[in-house]
Amino acid sequence: MARLAIFTDRNTIRSSVQLTALTNFRMAAYKLGHDCDFIFRNEIMNIPRYDGLLIRALTDPLNASYVAARLGEVHRLRVVDEPDSILVCCDKVNMYQHLMRADIPMPDTCFLSEDEVTVEQARELFETYGTPLVLKAPHSSFSAFVEKVHDEAGFVKVGKRFLRRAERLVVQQYLPSSFDWRVTILDGKVLFVVKYVMAAGAWRIHDTDEAGRPNLCEVEEVEKTSIDPRLIDLALRAGNSIGKSLYGVDIKELDDGFIVIEVNDNPNIDAGLEDKNNPEVYRNVIRTLTGEPWESWVLG
C-alpha cells in the first residue's frame, strides 16, 4: 500500500468537473489499495510523508504547485507533474526550442526581443509567414496572452504589450482549423485522445466572444480504431522531447499530415469531458505514481 497526495488549490476545487475528477483520482487509489489525501498550500511541508504526489493545480515556477513538485522530487517521491517539465512547458520559448531540437513539425516560429518588435520586422514576417500572425507571451495558459494580428500596427501594439511581462515574444504562422487533437500522454505512453472542437466563431480552444464572455471548445471523444498512427507517433515524439511526465499535446491535422501546436504540462482531465470514453485514466495515473504497470491507450 502506498500513501499518495494530490496537491490542489481552492481555485481548482471551485470547478465541479475538476472537483469530481479529483474525487475520481482518490477513489481509484482506494480501489487499487492505496491511501490518498488532498493537500493544500498550508500543508505543503507534509509532502515528505508520502510516496507519490499528483499536482492538480495551476502550474507555474512562481506558484506553490512548483514548490510542491520540487519538494516531492527532493524527497524521492514519484511526482506528476515533475518540476523540470513545469519549467519547460510554462515558458513557451523554452518549450518550442525543445520541439525544434527534436525536429518536431510545428508552425513557422520565431522569437523576438523588444527592440525587434518594429513595423519593418512585422512587414517581413507577414510576407514570410502570411497574414494573420499569432503572437504569444511565453508565460501564459488557457490561451491568455495569445492573439492574432492582421497588420503592422497591431503587431507592434500587441507585441509591446506582451513584452511588458516577458523578455521575448513568440511569433507564429496562423493555421486555421475547426478542431485540435489533444493527445494526453504520461511516462511516454498514451493516456487518451480527444478532439477539442472549436466553438462557433472561435479560433482557439479557450476563446472569448465579442462581449468578452468565454467561448469554449467542445470535448469530443474518439474511437481508438479511428486514430491515425502518425498522430500518436508525433505526440509521443513531442512529449519525449520535453521529458517523461504528464503532457497534453495539441496537434492540428493538415492535408499532408499533422503539426504540433503546443505541449502543455498539467493538462485537463475533467470529469465528463476528457474522461468520457476513458474511465481508466484515473487508475493509470495512480499506477504511475505507485510504479505499477499499465497499458497504453493505443495498443500495439
Protein backbone atom coordinates (compact mmCIF):
# COMPACT_ATOMS: atom_id res chain seq x y z
CA MET A 1 0.00 0.00 0.00
CA ALA A 2 1.28 3.46 -0.96
CA ARG A 3 0.49 6.81 0.61
CA LEU A 4 -0.37 9.29 -2.12
CA ALA A 5 -1.08 13.01 -2.07
CA ILE A 6 -2.94 15.20 -4.56
CA PHE A 7 -1.78 18.79 -4.32
CA THR A 8 -4.57 21.15 -5.33
CA ASP A 9 -5.96 24.61 -4.53
CA ARG A 10 -9.25 26.32 -3.90
CA ASN A 11 -9.46 27.71 -7.43
CA THR A 12 -9.35 24.16 -8.78
CA ILE A 13 -11.97 22.71 -6.46
CA ARG A 14 -14.40 25.53 -7.27
CA SER A 15 -14.89 23.85 -10.65
CA SER A 16 -17.39 20.98 -10.38
CA VAL A 17 -15.78 18.99 -13.22
CA GLN A 18 -12.33 19.33 -11.66
CA LEU A 19 -13.56 18.54 -8.15
CA THR A 20 -15.31 15.41 -9.44
CA ALA A 21 -12.13 14.40 -11.26
CA LEU A 22 -10.11 14.83 -8.06
CA THR A 23 -12.58 12.58 -6.26
CA ASN A 24 -12.22 10.04 -9.07
CA PHE A 25 -8.45 10.01 -8.61
CA ARG A 26 -8.81 9.38 -4.91
CA MET A 27 -11.41 6.64 -5.42
CA ALA A 28 -9.14 4.99 -7.99
CA ALA A 29 -6.33 4.98 -5.43
CA TYR A 30 -8.55 3.40 -2.79
CA LYS A 31 -9.74 0.67 -5.20
CA LEU A 32 -6.11 -0.15 -6.00
CA GLY A 33 -5.36 -0.47 -2.28
CA HIS A 34 -3.67 2.86 -1.60
CA ASP A 35 -4.28 5.80 0.73
CA CYS A 36 -4.78 9.19 -0.94
CA ASP A 37 -5.11 12.63 0.63
CA PHE A 38 -5.82 16.07 -0.78
CA ILE A 39 -3.29 18.62 0.42
CA PHE A 40 -3.24 22.39 0.07
CA ARG A 41 -0.63 25.12 0.22
CA ASN A 42 -0.63 25.34 4.02
CA GLU A 43 0.10 21.59 4.21
CA ILE A 44 2.98 21.60 1.75
CA MET A 45 5.57 20.58 4.36
CA ASN A 46 3.71 17.28 4.85
CA ILE A 47 4.73 16.14 1.34
CA PRO A 48 7.80 14.14 2.52
CA ARG A 49 5.44 11.81 4.41
CA TYR A 50 4.02 10.48 1.13
CA ASP A 51 5.21 8.05 -1.54
CA GLY A 52 3.74 9.79 -4.58
CA LEU A 53 2.47 13.27 -5.46
CA LEU A 54 -0.01 14.33 -8.13
CA ILE A 55 -0.17 18.04 -8.94
CA ARG A 56 -3.70 19.17 -9.85
CA ALA A 57 -3.41 22.94 -9.58
CA LEU A 58 -2.27 25.65 -11.97
CA THR A 59 1.44 25.09 -12.51
CA ASP A 60 3.93 27.92 -12.73
CA PRO A 61 7.51 28.24 -11.43
CA LEU A 62 6.26 31.10 -9.23
CA ASN A 63 3.33 29.13 -7.79
CA ALA A 64 3.14 26.86 -4.76
CA SER A 65 2.47 23.95 -7.12
CA TYR A 66 6.06 24.16 -8.39
CA VAL A 67 7.40 24.29 -4.82
CA ALA A 68 5.32 21.19 -4.05
CA ALA A 69 6.66 19.34 -7.10
CA ARG A 70 10.28 20.24 -6.34
CA LEU A 71 9.88 19.27 -2.67
CA GLY A 72 8.45 15.92 -3.71
CA GLU A 73 11.34 15.34 -6.10
CA VAL A 74 13.94 16.21 -3.45
CA HIS A 75 12.39 13.63 -1.14
CA ARG A 76 12.37 10.98 -3.90
CA LEU A 77 8.61 10.79 -4.37
CA ARG A 78 7.16 9.86 -7.74
CA VAL A 79 5.83 13.26 -8.89
CA VAL A 80 3.38 14.14 -11.67
CA ASP A 81 3.95 16.86 -12.99
CA GLU A 82 7.62 16.71 -12.28
CA PRO A 83 9.26 20.10 -11.75
CA ASP A 84 11.56 20.20 -14.79
CA SER A 85 8.56 19.71 -17.08
CA ILE A 86 6.82 22.61 -15.35
CA LEU A 87 9.85 24.81 -16.02
CA VAL A 88 9.91 23.90 -19.72
CA CYS A 89 6.19 23.98 -20.52
CA CYS A 90 5.48 27.17 -18.59
CA ASP A 91 7.96 29.01 -20.84
CA LYS A 92 6.79 28.73 -24.45
CA VAL A 93 10.16 29.84 -25.79
CA ASN A 94 11.84 27.00 -23.91
CA MET A 95 9.12 24.52 -24.93
CA TYR A 96 9.30 25.40 -28.64
CA GLN A 97 13.10 25.21 -28.56
CA HIS A 98 12.82 21.65 -27.25
CA LEU A 99 10.46 20.81 -30.12
CA MET A 100 12.79 22.42 -32.65
CA ARG A 101 15.81 20.46 -31.40
CA ALA A 102 13.80 17.24 -31.78
CA ASP A 103 12.78 18.24 -35.33
CA ILE A 104 9.07 18.17 -34.44
CA PRO A 105 6.85 19.65 -37.19
CA MET A 106 5.27 22.87 -35.92
CA PRO A 107 4.09 26.21 -37.31
CA ASP A 108 6.80 28.57 -38.57
CA THR A 109 8.01 30.21 -35.37
CA CYS A 110 10.47 32.86 -34.26
CA PHE A 111 11.31 34.69 -31.03
CA LEU A 112 11.74 38.45 -30.82
CA SER A 113 13.17 40.78 -28.22
CA GLU A 114 11.62 44.19 -27.55
CA ASP A 115 13.88 46.10 -29.92
CA GLU A 116 12.92 43.69 -32.73
CA VAL A 117 9.19 44.39 -32.47
CA THR A 118 9.05 47.00 -35.22
CA VAL A 119 6.94 47.85 -38.23
CA GLU A 120 9.76 46.70 -40.51
CA GLN A 121 10.05 43.35 -38.74
CA ALA A 122 6.27 42.93 -38.86
CA ARG A 123 6.18 43.59 -42.59
CA GLU A 124 8.89 40.98 -43.18
CA LEU A 125 7.11 38.36 -41.04
CA PHE A 126 3.75 38.96 -42.75
CA GLU A 127 5.47 38.37 -46.08
CA THR A 128 7.20 35.20 -44.80
CA TYR A 129 4.56 33.59 -42.55
CA GLY A 130 1.39 35.04 -44.04
CA THR A 131 -1.50 37.01 -42.57
CA PRO A 132 -2.58 36.99 -39.80
CA LEU A 133 0.22 36.22 -37.37
CA VAL A 134 -0.20 34.69 -33.92
CA LEU A 135 1.62 36.40 -31.05
CA LYS A 136 2.18 34.64 -27.74
CA ALA A 137 3.67 35.77 -24.45
CA PRO A 138 5.96 32.98 -23.22
CA HIS A 139 4.35 32.70 -19.78
CA SER A 140 0.65 32.16 -20.33
CA SER A 141 -2.04 29.50 -20.00
CA PHE A 142 -5.58 28.83 -21.23
CA SER A 143 -4.93 30.98 -24.33
CA ALA A 144 -4.35 34.12 -22.24
CA PHE A 145 -1.85 36.45 -23.93
CA VAL A 146 -2.33 34.70 -27.27
CA GLU A 147 -3.68 36.96 -30.02
CA LYS A 148 -3.94 37.25 -33.80
CA VAL A 149 -2.69 40.39 -35.51
CA HIS A 150 -3.54 41.43 -39.06
CA ASP A 151 -1.30 44.43 -39.73
CA GLU A 152 1.94 46.10 -38.72
CA ALA A 153 0.32 48.49 -36.23
CA GLY A 154 -1.45 45.65 -34.44
CA PHE A 155 1.75 43.62 -34.40
CA VAL A 156 3.71 46.38 -32.67
CA LYS A 157 0.88 47.25 -30.25
CA VAL A 158 0.22 43.69 -29.10
CA GLY A 159 3.88 42.71 -29.14
CA LYS A 160 4.94 45.64 -26.94
CA ARG A 161 2.07 44.88 -24.54
CA PHE A 162 3.09 41.23 -24.21
CA LEU A 163 6.72 42.21 -23.69
CA ARG A 164 5.81 44.16 -20.56
CA ARG A 165 5.76 40.75 -18.82
CA ALA A 166 8.46 38.90 -20.76
CA GLU A 167 11.86 39.28 -22.37
CA ARG A 168 10.92 37.59 -25.64
CA LEU A 169 7.85 37.31 -27.82
CA VAL A 170 6.75 34.19 -29.70
CA VAL A 171 5.58 34.85 -33.27
CA GLN A 172 3.94 32.05 -35.25
CA GLN A 173 2.31 31.25 -38.54
CA TYR A 174 -1.50 31.05 -38.24
CA LEU A 175 -3.00 27.67 -39.15
CA PRO A 176 -6.82 27.78 -39.09
CA SER A 177 -8.77 24.64 -38.17
CA SER A 178 -12.14 23.64 -36.78
CA PHE A 179 -10.59 21.39 -34.11
CA ASP A 180 -7.37 20.38 -32.43
CA TRP A 181 -6.38 16.88 -31.47
CA ARG A 182 -5.41 16.56 -27.82
CA VAL A 183 -3.20 13.57 -27.14
CA THR A 184 -2.54 13.23 -23.41
CA ILE A 185 0.49 11.16 -22.56
CA LEU A 186 2.15 10.03 -19.35
CA ASP A 187 5.55 8.43 -18.86
CA GLY A 188 5.96 8.04 -22.61
CA LYS A 189 2.61 6.28 -23.12
CA VAL A 190 -0.80 7.46 -24.34
CA LEU A 191 -3.42 8.07 -21.63
CA PHE A 192 -6.19 9.11 -24.04
CA VAL A 193 -7.01 11.03 -27.19
CA VAL A 194 -9.85 13.51 -27.67
CA LYS A 195 -10.81 16.25 -30.10
CA TYR A 196 -11.18 19.86 -28.98
CA VAL A 197 -13.80 21.20 -31.39
CA MET A 198 -13.74 24.99 -31.67
CA ALA A 199 -16.88 26.89 -30.75
CA ALA A 200 -18.68 28.84 -33.48
CA GLY A 201 -16.60 31.87 -34.40
CA ALA A 202 -13.64 30.76 -32.27
CA TRP A 203 -10.08 30.10 -33.41
CA ARG A 204 -8.62 28.88 -30.09
CA ILE A 205 -9.53 26.13 -27.63
CA HIS A 206 -10.12 28.77 -24.96
CA ASP A 207 -11.65 31.76 -26.72
CA THR A 208 -13.98 34.67 -25.95
CA ASP A 209 -16.84 36.24 -27.89
CA GLU A 210 -17.14 39.91 -28.82
CA ALA A 211 -18.53 40.71 -25.36
CA GLY A 212 -15.56 39.07 -23.67
CA ARG A 213 -17.53 36.04 -22.47
CA PRO A 214 -15.93 32.56 -22.56
CA ASN A 215 -16.46 30.74 -25.85
CA LEU A 216 -15.05 27.33 -25.03
CA CYS A 217 -14.45 24.32 -27.22
CA GLU A 218 -16.42 21.09 -27.08
CA VAL A 219 -14.56 17.97 -25.95
CA GLU A 220 -15.39 15.14 -28.35
CA GLU A 221 -14.45 11.55 -27.62
CA VAL A 222 -12.90 9.43 -30.39
CA GLU A 223 -12.68 5.72 -31.08
CA LYS A 224 -9.28 4.07 -30.95
CA THR A 225 -9.83 2.47 -34.35
CA SER A 226 -10.21 5.90 -35.99
CA ILE A 227 -6.81 7.20 -34.88
CA ASP A 228 -4.09 7.71 -37.47
CA PRO A 229 -0.87 6.07 -36.15
CA ARG A 230 1.06 9.13 -37.37
CA LEU A 231 -0.84 11.27 -34.84
CA ILE A 232 0.23 9.04 -31.98
CA ASP A 233 3.82 8.84 -33.17
CA LEU A 234 4.08 12.62 -33.42
CA ALA A 235 2.52 13.19 -29.99
CA LEU A 236 4.91 10.74 -28.34
CA ARG A 237 7.90 12.30 -30.08
CA ALA A 238 6.79 15.76 -28.94
CA GLY A 239 6.26 14.64 -25.36
CA ASN A 240 9.56 12.78 -25.26
CA SER A 241 11.34 15.95 -26.38
CA ILE A 242 10.23 17.52 -23.08
CA GLY A 243 10.50 14.59 -20.66
CA LYS A 244 8.52 11.67 -19.22
CA SER A 245 5.80 13.43 -17.24
CA LEU A 246 2.10 14.16 -17.93
CA TYR A 247 1.57 16.23 -21.11
CA GLY A 248 -1.31 17.34 -23.27
CA VAL A 249 -0.05 17.63 -26.84
CA ASP A 250 -2.17 19.88 -29.07
CA ILE A 251 -1.94 18.87 -32.72
CA LYS A 252 -3.56 20.21 -35.89
CA GLU A 253 -4.41 17.95 -38.80
CA LEU A 254 -3.37 19.30 -42.19
CA ASP A 255 -3.93 17.95 -45.70
CA ASP A 256 -0.46 16.41 -45.72
CA GLY A 257 -0.16 15.28 -42.10
CA PHE A 258 -0.03 16.62 -38.56
CA ILE A 259 1.68 19.53 -36.84
CA VAL A 260 2.26 20.23 -33.13
CA ILE A 261 0.87 23.49 -31.76
CA GLU A 262 1.92 23.15 -28.11
CA VAL A 263 2.92 20.71 -25.40
CA ASN A 264 1.15 21.52 -22.13
CA ASP A 265 2.06 20.32 -18.67
CA ASN A 266 -0.78 19.70 -16.17
CA PRO A 267 -3.30 19.04 -18.97
CA ASN A 268 -7.05 19.00 -18.39
CA ILE A 269 -8.54 15.77 -17.06
CA ASP A 270 -12.07 16.90 -16.24
CA ALA A 271 -14.95 14.66 -15.24
CA GLY A 272 -17.47 14.17 -18.03
CA LEU A 273 -15.12 15.72 -20.61
CA GLU A 274 -11.68 14.25 -21.21
CA ASP A 275 -12.67 11.06 -19.38
CA LYS A 276 -15.92 10.44 -21.32
CA ASN A 277 -14.57 7.47 -23.23
CA ASN A 278 -11.55 6.96 -21.00
CA PRO A 279 -12.59 5.95 -17.45
CA GLU A 280 -9.31 4.11 -16.94
CA VAL A 281 -7.36 7.37 -16.96
CA TYR A 282 -7.67 7.74 -13.17
CA ARG A 283 -6.36 4.24 -12.46
CA ASN A 284 -3.48 4.68 -14.89
CA VAL A 285 -2.31 7.93 -13.31
CA ILE A 286 -2.42 6.30 -9.87
CA ARG A 287 -0.50 3.28 -11.19
CA THR A 288 2.23 5.62 -12.47
CA LEU A 289 2.50 7.20 -9.02
CA THR A 290 2.91 3.78 -7.40
CA GLY A 291 5.20 2.29 -10.03
CA GLU A 292 2.64 -0.24 -11.28
CA PRO A 293 2.44 -1.15 -15.00
CA TRP A 294 -0.44 -0.04 -17.21
CA GLU A 295 -1.36 -0.38 -20.87
CA SER A 296 -1.14 2.49 -23.32
CA TRP A 297 -4.50 3.77 -24.67
CA VAL A 298 -3.42 2.84 -28.18
CA LEU A 299 -2.30 -0.75 -28.25
CA GLY A 300 0.42 -2.16 -30.43
